[in-house]
Amino acid sequence: MINIDNVQTATLAFLGDAVYEKAVRRMLVENGLNQADRLHRAAVKYVSAEGQSRAAAELCKGFLTEEEVRLVKRARNHKTTSHPRHVDPRKYKMATGFEALIGYLDLKGDEERLNQVISQSVHIINGRSSSAQKKAAGIDTATADREKE
C-alpha cells in the first residue's frame, strides 16, 4: 500500500491528468458524441490548461475542503523547469494543481469525492457553477461550510 502523503505533487498530477481525461472522454461518449474529430475538439475544452485552471480557481472558492485547497496550492507552487510555450505559466501551474487533486482523490480511493469534483469542474467549464449545481452534485453547502470551521 502506498502512503499518499509521500507521493510528489508532480506524480499526482501525472496520474490526475489520465484520470480526468478518461472521465471527460467517457462523459462525451455517453452524451452521444461518436466522431473522433468532434470528440477531440470537445475534450480540449475540458482538459486544456485554460479549462482546468478556471475550474481549479472556482473550486477553491468554497467547493473544496481546506485540505484539498492546500494540495492544489502546493502543486501549483511546485517548481517546474519548463511549461508549454502556448500556455500562460500561471494557468499551467493552476491546471497542474487541479490534476494533482484529481490524482490524489483517485489514489486515495475516494471515488465519491472524485466524481463530485469532476462533475463540478465540468459545470464550471460549461459556465454553470452555482450552489444549485453543488446541490445537484450531492454537496450540502451548509454542511461543507460547517466542516471547514
Protein backbone atom coordinates (compact mmCIF):
# COMPACT_ATOMS: atom_id res chain seq x y z
CA MET A 1 0.00 0.00 0.00
CA ILE A 2 1.30 3.43 -0.93
CA ASN A 3 1.42 6.35 1.51
CA ILE A 4 -0.27 9.13 -0.47
CA ASP A 5 1.37 11.82 1.65
CA ASN A 6 4.77 10.73 0.32
CA VAL A 7 3.77 10.99 -3.35
CA GLN A 8 5.14 14.08 -5.09
CA THR A 9 2.60 16.55 -6.44
CA ALA A 10 4.03 16.16 -9.95
CA THR A 11 3.32 12.43 -9.73
CA LEU A 12 -0.21 13.09 -8.50
CA ALA A 13 -0.70 15.47 -11.44
CA PHE A 14 0.62 12.83 -13.85
CA LEU A 15 -2.00 10.38 -12.58
CA GLY A 16 -4.73 13.02 -12.33
CA ASP A 17 -4.22 14.02 -15.95
CA ALA A 18 -5.04 10.49 -17.10
CA VAL A 19 -7.96 10.03 -14.69
CA TYR A 20 -9.57 13.34 -15.67
CA GLU A 21 -9.02 12.81 -19.40
CA LYS A 22 -10.69 9.39 -19.19
CA ALA A 23 -13.64 10.80 -17.24
CA VAL A 24 -14.12 13.59 -19.80
CA ARG A 25 -13.89 11.21 -22.74
CA ARG A 26 -16.41 8.88 -21.14
CA MET A 27 -18.79 11.78 -20.45
CA LEU A 28 -18.59 12.93 -24.07
CA VAL A 29 -19.26 9.45 -25.45
CA GLU A 30 -22.15 8.94 -23.01
CA ASN A 31 -23.57 12.27 -24.19
CA GLY A 32 -23.75 10.97 -27.74
CA LEU A 33 -20.60 12.24 -29.43
CA ASN A 34 -19.28 9.46 -31.64
CA GLN A 35 -16.97 11.01 -34.22
CA ALA A 36 -13.30 11.13 -33.29
CA ASP A 37 -12.65 14.65 -34.56
CA ARG A 38 -15.67 16.03 -32.69
CA LEU A 39 -14.72 14.10 -29.56
CA HIS A 40 -11.22 15.56 -29.64
CA ARG A 41 -12.42 19.15 -30.14
CA ALA A 42 -14.98 18.79 -27.36
CA ALA A 43 -12.48 17.20 -24.96
CA VAL A 44 -9.94 20.01 -25.39
CA LYS A 45 -12.38 22.44 -23.77
CA TYR A 46 -12.24 20.41 -20.56
CA VAL A 47 -8.68 19.08 -20.49
CA SER A 48 -6.82 22.22 -21.58
CA ALA A 49 -4.82 24.21 -19.05
CA GLU A 50 -7.27 27.07 -19.66
CA GLY A 51 -10.31 25.00 -18.66
CA GLN A 52 -8.62 23.20 -15.78
CA SER A 53 -7.17 26.39 -14.30
CA ARG A 54 -10.58 28.08 -14.40
CA ALA A 55 -12.17 25.06 -12.74
CA ALA A 56 -9.47 24.91 -10.06
CA ALA A 57 -9.79 28.61 -9.23
CA GLU A 58 -13.57 28.34 -8.89
CA LEU A 59 -13.41 25.09 -6.92
CA CYS A 60 -11.04 26.74 -4.42
CA LYS A 61 -13.71 29.38 -3.67
CA GLY A 62 -15.71 27.18 -1.32
CA PHE A 63 -16.29 23.84 -3.01
CA LEU A 64 -13.06 22.17 -1.91
CA THR A 65 -12.12 21.29 1.65
CA GLU A 66 -9.19 23.13 3.26
CA GLU A 67 -7.05 20.03 2.78
CA GLU A 68 -7.91 19.90 -0.93
CA VAL A 69 -7.18 23.62 -1.39
CA ARG A 70 -3.78 23.17 0.31
CA LEU A 71 -2.96 20.33 -2.09
CA VAL A 72 -3.96 22.39 -5.14
CA LYS A 73 -1.81 25.30 -3.93
CA ARG A 74 1.14 23.06 -3.07
CA ALA A 75 1.06 21.51 -6.54
CA ARG A 76 0.55 24.92 -8.16
CA ASN A 77 3.61 26.27 -6.34
CA HIS A 78 5.82 23.28 -7.18
CA LYS A 79 8.94 24.43 -9.01
CA THR A 80 8.98 23.41 -12.65
CA THR A 81 11.74 23.80 -15.18
CA SER A 82 9.50 24.14 -18.20
CA HIS A 83 5.96 24.60 -19.42
CA PRO A 84 4.28 24.65 -22.83
CA ARG A 85 5.01 27.86 -24.74
CA HIS A 86 1.44 28.40 -25.86
CA VAL A 87 0.06 28.45 -22.29
CA ASP A 88 0.17 31.19 -19.67
CA PRO A 89 2.53 29.85 -16.95
CA ARG A 90 0.10 30.79 -14.16
CA LYS A 91 -2.74 28.89 -15.82
CA TYR A 92 -0.47 25.92 -16.44
CA LYS A 93 0.52 25.82 -12.77
CA MET A 94 -3.09 26.08 -11.61
CA ALA A 95 -4.06 23.29 -14.02
CA THR A 96 -1.25 21.20 -12.52
CA GLY A 97 -2.79 21.81 -9.09
CA PHE A 98 -6.16 20.65 -10.39
CA GLU A 99 -4.66 17.49 -11.89
CA ALA A 100 -2.79 16.77 -8.64
CA LEU A 101 -6.09 16.96 -6.75
CA ILE A 102 -7.71 14.53 -9.18
CA GLY A 103 -4.74 12.17 -8.85
CA TYR A 104 -4.83 12.44 -5.07
CA LEU A 105 -8.53 11.62 -4.84
CA ASP A 106 -8.09 8.70 -7.23
CA LEU A 107 -5.10 7.28 -5.38
CA LYS A 108 -6.91 7.75 -2.08
CA GLY A 109 -9.80 5.71 -3.47
CA ASP A 110 -12.38 8.38 -2.67
CA GLU A 111 -14.49 7.75 -5.77
CA GLU A 112 -17.50 9.70 -4.49
CA ARG A 113 -15.50 12.87 -3.89
CA LEU A 114 -13.56 12.38 -7.12
CA ASN A 115 -16.83 12.24 -9.06
CA GLN A 116 -18.15 15.32 -7.25
CA VAL A 117 -15.03 17.34 -8.11
CA ILE A 118 -15.03 16.21 -11.74
CA SER A 119 -18.75 16.90 -12.10
CA GLN A 120 -18.43 20.37 -10.59
CA SER A 121 -15.41 21.17 -12.78
CA VAL A 122 -17.42 20.25 -15.88
CA HIS A 123 -20.22 22.58 -14.73
CA ILE A 124 -17.71 25.38 -14.16
CA ILE A 125 -16.11 24.92 -17.56
CA ASN A 126 -19.58 24.90 -19.12
CA GLY A 127 -20.31 28.17 -17.30
CA ARG A 128 -22.88 26.74 -14.90
CA SER A 129 -21.28 26.94 -11.47
CA SER A 130 -23.66 27.72 -8.62
CA SER A 131 -24.97 26.48 -5.31
CA ALA A 132 -27.69 24.69 -7.25
CA GLN A 133 -25.02 22.78 -9.15
CA LYS A 134 -23.28 21.90 -5.86
CA LYS A 135 -26.56 20.53 -4.54
CA ALA A 136 -27.11 18.63 -7.78
CA ALA A 137 -23.67 17.10 -7.31
CA GLY A 138 -24.72 15.94 -3.84
CA ILE A 139 -22.92 18.64 -1.89
CA ASP A 140 -24.69 20.20 1.08
CA THR A 141 -23.03 23.63 1.07
CA ALA A 142 -24.12 24.45 4.62
CA THR A 143 -22.61 21.20 5.92
CA ALA A 144 -19.44 21.72 3.92
CA ASP A 145 -19.08 25.23 5.37
CA ARG A 146 -19.57 23.95 8.93
CA GLU A 147 -16.97 21.23 8.38
CA LYS A 148 -14.44 23.87 7.33
CA GLU A 149 -14.82 25.75 10.62
